[in-house]
Amino acid sequence: MGIKKNLAGSPLVRRLLTVAFVGAVGFGCQAEPTPSDEPLDAPGNPIEGVWGFVSETNTETGELVRDDSTWSGIWVFTKGYHCLARMDARRKGLSPSELEALPAEEKVAYYEQLLGYNGTAGTYTVEGDTLRRQWQIALGPHIVGLESVTKFSVAGDRLTVDLARRSPDSGPAARVEYRRLE
């Protein structure tokens, strides 16, 4: 559709288009319902609600990885389900005609910058200060079906989640902070 045949057939462009499509369609956050055994919407569930992204810090180095000056995100917890979407707020959008006018290399760069997006959705349980999430939907298909077990705390309108390194090949351990929106 306007992308030259040699560019349209490129594995990178096909992958980028797939990621963009999954990001656009997949985050209706409609996972197969799995009934929860716990009343997670009860007043005792401190994370029930809607949270806005504040910051992410590499806990191995202390380095600020990103914050709400360049990234935005929303994490919703309701009745045993969670849905998280975060993106680089500096991503730029182009109209179809602007995109068509770009040379092939700039089109690739445009699609690459769209990858500044991540998200997951699925079920969750809270046990004391432990948050267990089962991923049913994820931008990275390698984590679908896995469980994440993390420590969290809520102080006032702040939710802090400590994410352990999942494997030697995964990203570093991180502390992510959110502020209550609702």
Protein backbone atom coordinates (compact mmCIF):
# COMPACT_ATOMS: atom_id res chain seq x y z
CA MET A 1 0.00 0.00 0.00
CA GLY A 2 2.53 2.63 -0.90
CA ILE A 3 5.51 0.92 0.76
CA LYS A 4 7.91 -0.15 -1.94
CA LYS A 5 7.90 -3.89 -2.54
CA ASN A 6 11.50 -4.40 -1.37
CA LEU A 7 10.82 -2.52 1.86
CA ALA A 8 7.44 -4.14 2.46
CA GLY A 9 9.06 -7.59 2.14
CA SER A 10 11.78 -6.79 4.67
CA PRO A 11 11.59 -8.87 7.88
CA LEU A 12 12.22 -5.77 10.02
CA VAL A 13 9.33 -3.84 8.50
CA ARG A 14 7.00 -6.86 8.79
CA ARG A 15 8.01 -7.19 12.46
CA LEU A 16 7.49 -3.48 13.14
CA LEU A 17 4.10 -3.51 11.47
CA THR A 18 3.11 -6.56 13.52
CA VAL A 19 4.20 -4.87 16.75
CA ALA A 20 2.28 -1.71 15.85
CA PHE A 21 -0.82 -3.77 15.02
CA VAL A 22 -0.61 -5.80 18.24
CA GLY A 23 -0.15 -2.64 20.26
CA ALA A 24 -3.12 -0.97 18.61
CA VAL A 25 -5.47 -3.97 18.71
CA GLY A 26 -4.22 -6.02 21.63
CA PHE A 27 -4.73 -3.44 24.29
CA GLY A 28 -8.46 -3.57 24.37
CA CYS A 29 -7.31 -5.59 27.41
CA GLN A 30 -9.80 -8.34 26.76
CA ALA A 31 -8.32 -11.48 28.24
CA GLU A 32 -10.28 -14.67 28.73
CA PRO A 33 -11.97 -14.25 32.12
CA THR A 34 -10.51 -16.31 34.91
CA PRO A 35 -12.58 -16.13 38.09
CA SER A 36 -10.63 -14.93 41.10
CA ASP A 37 -10.92 -16.78 44.40
CA GLU A 38 -10.25 -13.57 46.32
CA PRO A 39 -12.48 -10.50 46.66
CA LEU A 40 -9.88 -8.18 45.12
CA ASP A 41 -12.27 -5.25 44.92
CA ALA A 42 -12.69 -5.32 48.70
CA PRO A 43 -11.50 -2.31 50.74
CA GLY A 44 -8.49 -4.35 51.98
CA ASN A 45 -6.93 -4.50 48.49
CA PRO A 46 -4.54 -1.52 48.45
CA ILE A 47 -3.76 -1.63 44.71
CA GLU A 48 -7.33 -1.74 43.37
CA GLY A 49 -7.76 1.27 41.09
CA VAL A 50 -6.01 3.23 38.37
CA TRP A 51 -2.37 4.29 38.62
CA GLY A 52 -0.27 6.66 36.49
CA PHE A 53 3.41 6.05 35.74
CA VAL A 54 5.90 8.23 37.68
CA SER A 55 9.37 6.68 37.34
CA GLU A 56 11.49 3.57 36.84
CA THR A 57 14.88 3.16 38.52
CA ASN A 58 17.50 0.47 37.92
CA THR A 59 17.97 -0.90 41.45
CA GLU A 60 21.29 -2.51 40.54
CA THR A 61 22.92 0.85 39.60
CA GLY A 62 20.54 3.43 41.10
CA GLU A 63 20.17 5.01 37.64
CA LEU A 64 16.86 6.62 36.69
CA VAL A 65 15.77 4.69 33.59
CA ARG A 66 12.76 6.84 32.67
CA ASP A 67 10.22 9.12 34.28
CA ASP A 68 6.98 10.89 33.50
CA SER A 69 8.77 13.73 31.72
CA THR A 70 9.35 11.40 28.73
CA TRP A 71 7.13 8.35 29.36
CA SER A 72 3.48 7.96 30.24
CA GLY A 73 1.59 4.95 31.41
CA ILE A 74 -1.53 3.64 33.09
CA TRP A 75 -1.90 0.51 35.21
CA VAL A 76 -5.41 -0.62 36.10
CA PHE A 77 -6.22 -3.21 38.78
CA THR A 78 -9.85 -4.30 39.05
CA LYS A 79 -11.62 -7.43 40.29
CA GLY A 80 -8.64 -9.74 39.81
CA TYR A 81 -7.50 -8.33 36.46
CA HIS A 82 -4.72 -5.92 35.56
CA CYS A 83 -3.87 -4.03 32.38
CA LEU A 84 -0.66 -2.02 31.97
CA ALA A 85 0.29 0.16 29.01
CA ARG A 86 3.34 2.47 28.88
CA MET A 87 4.84 4.45 26.05
CA ASP A 88 7.56 6.89 25.20
CA ALA A 89 5.58 10.14 25.08
CA ARG A 90 8.04 11.54 22.51
CA ARG A 91 6.90 9.12 19.79
CA LYS A 92 5.74 11.03 16.76
CA GLY A 93 2.84 10.25 14.52
CA LEU A 94 2.66 10.83 10.79
CA SER A 95 -0.31 10.96 8.49
CA PRO A 96 -0.44 8.35 5.74
CA SER A 97 0.59 10.95 3.16
CA GLU A 98 3.56 12.12 5.28
CA LEU A 99 4.64 8.52 5.77
CA GLU A 100 4.33 7.80 2.04
CA ALA A 101 6.62 10.75 1.26
CA LEU A 102 9.49 9.43 3.41
CA PRO A 103 12.46 7.66 1.85
CA ALA A 104 12.73 3.94 2.78
CA GLU A 105 15.39 4.47 5.48
CA GLU A 106 13.31 7.15 7.21
CA LYS A 107 10.24 4.88 7.11
CA VAL A 108 12.21 2.20 8.92
CA ALA A 109 13.36 4.77 11.52
CA TYR A 110 9.75 5.94 11.92
CA TYR A 111 8.53 2.40 12.63
CA GLU A 112 11.46 1.75 14.99
CA GLN A 113 10.54 4.75 17.15
CA LEU A 114 7.03 3.32 17.51
CA LEU A 115 8.57 0.46 19.51
CA GLY A 116 8.81 2.77 22.52
CA TYR A 117 5.71 1.05 23.91
CA ASN A 118 5.08 -1.87 26.25
CA GLY A 119 2.13 -3.47 27.94
CA THR A 120 0.70 -6.51 29.63
CA ALA A 121 -2.69 -7.70 30.83
CA GLY A 122 -4.01 -10.67 32.75
CA THR A 123 -5.02 -11.74 36.23
CA TYR A 124 -3.51 -10.86 39.59
CA THR A 125 -3.64 -11.68 43.28
CA VAL A 126 -2.35 -9.84 46.34
CA GLU A 127 -0.93 -11.69 49.34
CA GLY A 128 0.37 -9.26 51.97
CA ASP A 129 3.06 -7.22 50.19
CA THR A 130 3.36 -9.71 47.31
CA LEU A 131 1.78 -9.07 43.91
CA ARG A 132 1.38 -12.10 41.64
CA ARG A 133 0.49 -11.43 37.99
CA GLN A 134 -0.32 -14.01 35.37
CA TRP A 135 0.34 -12.56 31.90
CA GLN A 136 -2.34 -13.45 29.36
CA ILE A 137 -1.53 -10.64 26.92
CA ALA A 138 1.89 -9.06 26.39
CA LEU A 139 3.70 -7.11 23.73
CA GLY A 140 6.55 -9.60 24.22
CA PRO A 141 5.02 -13.00 23.42
CA HIS A 142 7.79 -14.82 25.32
CA ILE A 143 6.18 -13.84 28.67
CA VAL A 144 2.58 -14.84 27.86
CA GLY A 145 1.57 -17.55 30.30
CA LEU A 146 4.32 -16.69 32.79
CA GLU A 147 3.76 -15.46 36.31
CA SER A 148 5.45 -12.42 37.80
CA VAL A 149 5.93 -12.36 41.57
CA THR A 150 6.97 -8.99 42.95
CA LYS A 151 6.98 -7.02 46.18
CA PHE A 152 4.99 -3.80 46.38
CA SER A 153 4.09 -1.06 48.82
CA VAL A 154 1.47 1.65 48.90
CA ALA A 155 2.13 4.89 50.78
CA GLY A 156 -0.46 7.64 50.40
CA ASP A 157 -1.13 8.02 46.67
CA ARG A 158 2.04 6.13 45.59
CA LEU A 159 2.40 2.50 44.49
CA THR A 160 5.97 1.20 44.41
CA VAL A 161 6.69 -2.13 42.72
CA ASP A 162 10.07 -3.87 42.96
CA LEU A 163 10.67 -5.93 39.82
CA ALA A 164 13.32 -8.61 40.19
CA ARG A 165 15.51 -9.62 37.26
CA ARG A 166 13.60 -12.51 35.60
CA SER A 167 16.69 -14.17 34.15
CA PRO A 168 20.35 -13.40 33.41
CA ASP A 169 19.26 -12.30 29.91
CA SER A 170 16.42 -10.03 31.04
CA GLY A 171 16.70 -6.39 31.93
CA PRO A 172 18.01 -5.33 35.34
CA ALA A 173 15.99 -5.31 38.54
CA ALA A 174 13.94 -2.14 38.78
CA ARG A 175 11.77 -0.13 41.13
CA VAL A 176 8.75 1.39 39.40
CA GLU A 177 6.60 4.07 40.99
CA TYR A 178 3.02 5.02 40.11
CA ARG A 179 0.64 7.65 41.49
CA ARG A 180 -3.03 6.94 42.16
CA LEU A 181 -5.30 8.45 39.53
CA GLU A 182 -8.52 6.86 40.75
